[in-house]
Amino acid sequence: MSVGTMIGSFLVEVIPEEDGTFSAVVLNLPGAGSCGDTEAEAIENVKEAIAGVMEEYAESGDEVPWLAPDDVRPTPGRKSVWIRIDG
């Protein structure tokens, strides 16, 4: 499965690191995260990480462990953004 065939909305928390880089963690898709030198790069990189996680689930036949929107709580004081990947 490639990013082009997926449709989904993902809540991403962007975390500034001490070394000046940024981490991006997908709050409603356990196991998906990435990093980058800028916030924008971290968000772009996390899209690739989402694709990789989704491919693993598709190949294994396992159910994707989505978290319901009501179960997702961003950390207060951290930036979070919803991203949509359309097929």
N, C-alpha and C. Protein backbone atom coordinates (compact mmCIF):
# COMPACT_ATOMS: atom_id res chain seq x y z
N MET A 1 0.85 -1.18 0.00
CA MET A 1 0.00 0.00 0.00
C MET A 1 0.89 1.23 0.00
N SER A 2 0.62 2.16 -0.87
CA SER A 2 1.41 3.39 -0.91
C SER A 2 0.58 4.53 -0.38
N VAL A 3 1.25 5.66 -0.11
CA VAL A 3 0.54 6.83 0.39
C VAL A 3 -0.57 7.22 -0.56
N GLY A 4 -0.38 7.04 -1.86
CA GLY A 4 -1.37 7.42 -2.84
C GLY A 4 -2.66 6.62 -2.75
N THR A 5 -2.65 5.45 -2.12
CA THR A 5 -3.85 4.65 -2.02
C THR A 5 -4.52 4.73 -0.65
N MET A 6 -3.95 5.48 0.26
CA MET A 6 -4.50 5.58 1.60
C MET A 6 -5.38 6.80 1.73
N ILE A 7 -6.38 6.67 2.54
CA ILE A 7 -7.19 7.82 2.91
C ILE A 7 -7.29 7.80 4.42
N GLY A 8 -6.93 8.90 5.04
CA GLY A 8 -7.02 8.94 6.49
C GLY A 8 -6.65 10.29 7.04
N SER A 9 -7.10 10.53 8.26
CA SER A 9 -6.74 11.74 8.99
C SER A 9 -5.91 11.32 10.20
N PHE A 10 -4.84 12.03 10.41
CA PHE A 10 -3.89 11.65 11.44
C PHE A 10 -3.56 12.86 12.30
N LEU A 11 -3.65 12.69 13.62
CA LEU A 11 -3.30 13.76 14.55
C LEU A 11 -1.82 13.62 14.89
N VAL A 12 -1.05 14.63 14.53
CA VAL A 12 0.40 14.60 14.70
C VAL A 12 0.80 15.64 15.75
N GLU A 13 1.56 15.20 16.73
CA GLU A 13 2.11 16.11 17.73
C GLU A 13 3.56 16.40 17.34
N VAL A 14 3.89 17.68 17.27
CA VAL A 14 5.23 18.10 16.87
C VAL A 14 5.97 18.54 18.13
N ILE A 15 7.13 17.92 18.36
CA ILE A 15 7.87 18.13 19.60
C ILE A 15 9.25 18.71 19.29
N PRO A 16 9.54 19.93 19.77
CA PRO A 16 10.90 20.46 19.60
C PRO A 16 11.87 19.72 20.51
N GLU A 17 12.98 19.31 19.95
CA GLU A 17 13.99 18.58 20.71
C GLU A 17 15.10 19.53 21.16
N GLU A 18 15.87 19.12 22.16
CA GLU A 18 16.92 19.96 22.71
C GLU A 18 18.00 20.32 21.70
N ASP A 19 18.21 19.45 20.70
CA ASP A 19 19.26 19.70 19.71
C ASP A 19 18.78 20.58 18.56
N GLY A 20 17.54 21.10 18.65
CA GLY A 20 17.03 21.99 17.61
C GLY A 20 16.22 21.29 16.53
N THR A 21 16.18 19.96 16.54
CA THR A 21 15.38 19.22 15.57
C THR A 21 13.96 19.06 16.11
N PHE A 22 13.11 18.41 15.33
CA PHE A 22 11.71 18.22 15.72
C PHE A 22 11.32 16.76 15.53
N SER A 23 10.55 16.25 16.47
CA SER A 23 9.95 14.93 16.34
C SER A 23 8.48 15.11 16.00
N ALA A 24 7.94 14.17 15.25
CA ALA A 24 6.52 14.17 14.92
C ALA A 24 5.97 12.79 15.24
N VAL A 25 4.98 12.74 16.12
CA VAL A 25 4.40 11.49 16.58
C VAL A 25 2.93 11.48 16.21
N VAL A 26 2.48 10.39 15.59
CA VAL A 26 1.07 10.26 15.22
C VAL A 26 0.32 9.71 16.43
N LEU A 27 -0.57 10.53 16.97
CA LEU A 27 -1.25 10.16 18.21
C LEU A 27 -2.34 9.12 18.02
N ASN A 28 -2.96 9.07 16.85
CA ASN A 28 -4.05 8.11 16.65
C ASN A 28 -3.64 6.88 15.84
N LEU A 29 -2.34 6.71 15.59
CA LEU A 29 -1.83 5.51 14.92
C LEU A 29 -0.56 5.07 15.64
N PRO A 30 -0.70 4.21 16.64
CA PRO A 30 0.47 3.77 17.41
C PRO A 30 1.58 3.22 16.51
N GLY A 31 2.82 3.62 16.82
CA GLY A 31 3.97 3.13 16.09
C GLY A 31 4.44 4.02 14.96
N ALA A 32 3.70 5.09 14.67
CA ALA A 32 4.08 5.98 13.57
C ALA A 32 4.68 7.27 14.13
N GLY A 33 5.89 7.56 13.70
CA GLY A 33 6.57 8.78 14.11
C GLY A 33 7.80 9.00 13.27
N SER A 34 8.32 10.21 13.29
CA SER A 34 9.53 10.53 12.53
C SER A 34 10.14 11.80 13.11
N CYS A 35 11.13 12.34 12.42
CA CYS A 35 11.78 13.56 12.86
C CYS A 35 12.28 14.35 11.66
N GLY A 36 12.74 15.57 11.93
CA GLY A 36 13.28 16.41 10.87
C GLY A 36 13.99 17.61 11.45
N ASP A 37 14.71 18.31 10.59
CA ASP A 37 15.43 19.50 11.03
C ASP A 37 14.50 20.68 11.29
N THR A 38 13.32 20.67 10.67
CA THR A 38 12.31 21.71 10.87
C THR A 38 10.97 21.04 11.16
N GLU A 39 10.00 21.83 11.64
CA GLU A 39 8.66 21.28 11.86
C GLU A 39 8.09 20.73 10.56
N ALA A 40 8.23 21.50 9.49
CA ALA A 40 7.68 21.09 8.19
C ALA A 40 8.32 19.79 7.71
N GLU A 41 9.62 19.66 7.88
CA GLU A 41 10.30 18.44 7.46
C GLU A 41 9.85 17.25 8.30
N ALA A 42 9.68 17.46 9.60
CA ALA A 42 9.21 16.37 10.46
C ALA A 42 7.82 15.91 10.04
N ILE A 43 6.95 16.84 9.68
CA ILE A 43 5.60 16.48 9.25
C ILE A 43 5.64 15.75 7.92
N GLU A 44 6.46 16.21 6.99
CA GLU A 44 6.59 15.49 5.71
C GLU A 44 7.15 14.08 5.93
N ASN A 45 8.15 13.97 6.80
CA ASN A 45 8.74 12.66 7.08
C ASN A 45 7.76 11.71 7.76
N VAL A 46 6.89 12.25 8.61
CA VAL A 46 5.94 11.38 9.30
C VAL A 46 4.91 10.82 8.32
N LYS A 47 4.67 11.51 7.22
CA LYS A 47 3.77 10.96 6.19
C LYS A 47 4.35 9.66 5.63
N GLU A 48 5.66 9.64 5.42
CA GLU A 48 6.31 8.41 4.95
C GLU A 48 6.25 7.32 6.01
N ALA A 49 6.40 7.72 7.29
CA ALA A 49 6.32 6.75 8.37
C ALA A 49 4.92 6.14 8.45
N ILE A 50 3.89 6.96 8.25
CA ILE A 50 2.52 6.46 8.24
C ILE A 50 2.36 5.43 7.14
N ALA A 51 2.87 5.74 5.96
CA ALA A 51 2.78 4.79 4.84
C ALA A 51 3.45 3.47 5.19
N GLY A 52 4.61 3.54 5.83
CA GLY A 52 5.32 2.33 6.22
C GLY A 52 4.55 1.49 7.23
N VAL A 53 3.99 2.15 8.23
CA VAL A 53 3.20 1.44 9.24
C VAL A 53 1.97 0.81 8.60
N MET A 54 1.30 1.56 7.74
CA MET A 54 0.10 1.03 7.08
C MET A 54 0.45 -0.15 6.17
N GLU A 55 1.59 -0.08 5.48
CA GLU A 55 2.03 -1.20 4.64
C GLU A 55 2.27 -2.45 5.47
N GLU A 56 2.90 -2.28 6.64
CA GLU A 56 3.16 -3.42 7.51
C GLU A 56 1.86 -4.10 7.91
N TYR A 57 0.86 -3.30 8.28
CA TYR A 57 -0.43 -3.89 8.67
C TYR A 57 -1.10 -4.57 7.48
N ALA A 58 -1.03 -3.96 6.31
CA ALA A 58 -1.65 -4.55 5.12
C ALA A 58 -0.98 -5.88 4.78
N GLU A 59 0.35 -5.92 4.84
CA GLU A 59 1.08 -7.14 4.50
C GLU A 59 0.86 -8.26 5.51
N SER A 60 0.74 -7.88 6.79
CA SER A 60 0.58 -8.90 7.83
C SER A 60 -0.86 -9.36 7.97
N GLY A 61 -1.80 -8.54 7.48
CA GLY A 61 -3.21 -8.87 7.64
C GLY A 61 -3.75 -8.50 9.00
N ASP A 62 -2.91 -7.90 9.83
CA ASP A 62 -3.35 -7.48 11.16
C ASP A 62 -4.25 -6.25 11.06
N GLU A 63 -5.15 -6.12 12.02
CA GLU A 63 -6.03 -4.96 12.07
C GLU A 63 -5.22 -3.74 12.53
N VAL A 64 -5.48 -2.59 11.91
CA VAL A 64 -4.80 -1.35 12.28
C VAL A 64 -5.34 -0.90 13.64
N PRO A 65 -4.45 -0.64 14.61
CA PRO A 65 -4.90 -0.26 15.95
C PRO A 65 -5.25 1.23 16.08
N TRP A 66 -6.20 1.67 15.27
CA TRP A 66 -6.60 3.08 15.31
C TRP A 66 -7.08 3.45 16.71
N LEU A 67 -6.79 4.65 17.11
CA LEU A 67 -7.35 5.17 18.35
C LEU A 67 -8.48 6.11 17.98
N ALA A 68 -9.58 6.02 18.68
CA ALA A 68 -10.73 6.87 18.43
C ALA A 68 -10.38 8.32 18.76
N PRO A 69 -10.97 9.28 18.02
CA PRO A 69 -10.67 10.70 18.28
C PRO A 69 -10.86 11.10 19.74
N ASP A 70 -11.85 10.53 20.41
CA ASP A 70 -12.08 10.87 21.82
C ASP A 70 -11.00 10.31 22.74
N ASP A 71 -10.24 9.33 22.26
CA ASP A 71 -9.18 8.72 23.07
C ASP A 71 -7.82 9.39 22.87
N VAL A 72 -7.76 10.34 21.93
CA VAL A 72 -6.50 10.99 21.60
C VAL A 72 -6.44 12.34 22.33
N ARG A 73 -5.41 12.50 23.14
CA ARG A 73 -5.25 13.74 23.90
C ARG A 73 -3.85 14.32 23.65
N PRO A 74 -3.77 15.41 22.87
CA PRO A 74 -2.47 16.04 22.67
C PRO A 74 -1.91 16.55 24.00
N THR A 75 -0.61 16.60 24.10
CA THR A 75 0.04 17.11 25.30
C THR A 75 -0.14 18.62 25.37
N PRO A 76 -0.65 19.13 26.49
CA PRO A 76 -0.81 20.58 26.62
C PRO A 76 0.51 21.31 26.39
N GLY A 77 0.46 22.38 25.63
CA GLY A 77 1.64 23.19 25.36
C GLY A 77 2.45 22.74 24.16
N ARG A 78 2.11 21.60 23.58
CA ARG A 78 2.80 21.12 22.38
C ARG A 78 1.92 21.37 21.17
N LYS A 79 2.57 21.62 20.05
CA LYS A 79 1.84 21.85 18.80
C LYS A 79 1.32 20.53 18.28
N SER A 80 0.05 20.53 17.88
CA SER A 80 -0.49 19.35 17.21
C SER A 80 -1.27 19.81 15.99
N VAL A 81 -1.20 18.99 14.94
CA VAL A 81 -1.88 19.31 13.69
C VAL A 81 -2.53 18.05 13.15
N TRP A 82 -3.68 18.22 12.51
CA TRP A 82 -4.31 17.13 11.77
C TRP A 82 -3.77 17.17 10.35
N ILE A 83 -3.33 16.03 9.85
CA ILE A 83 -2.94 15.95 8.45
C ILE A 83 -3.84 14.92 7.79
N ARG A 84 -4.11 15.11 6.54
CA ARG A 84 -4.94 14.18 5.78
C ARG A 84 -4.12 13.67 4.61
N ILE A 85 -4.16 12.36 4.44
CA ILE A 85 -3.50 11.74 3.30
C ILE A 85 -4.61 11.16 2.45
N ASP A 86 -4.76 11.69 1.24
CA ASP A 86 -5.82 11.28 0.34
C ASP A 86 -5.29 10.36 -0.74
N GLY A 87 -6.11 9.40 -1.12
CA GLY A 87 -5.76 8.46 -2.16
C GLY A 87 -6.09 9.00 -3.52
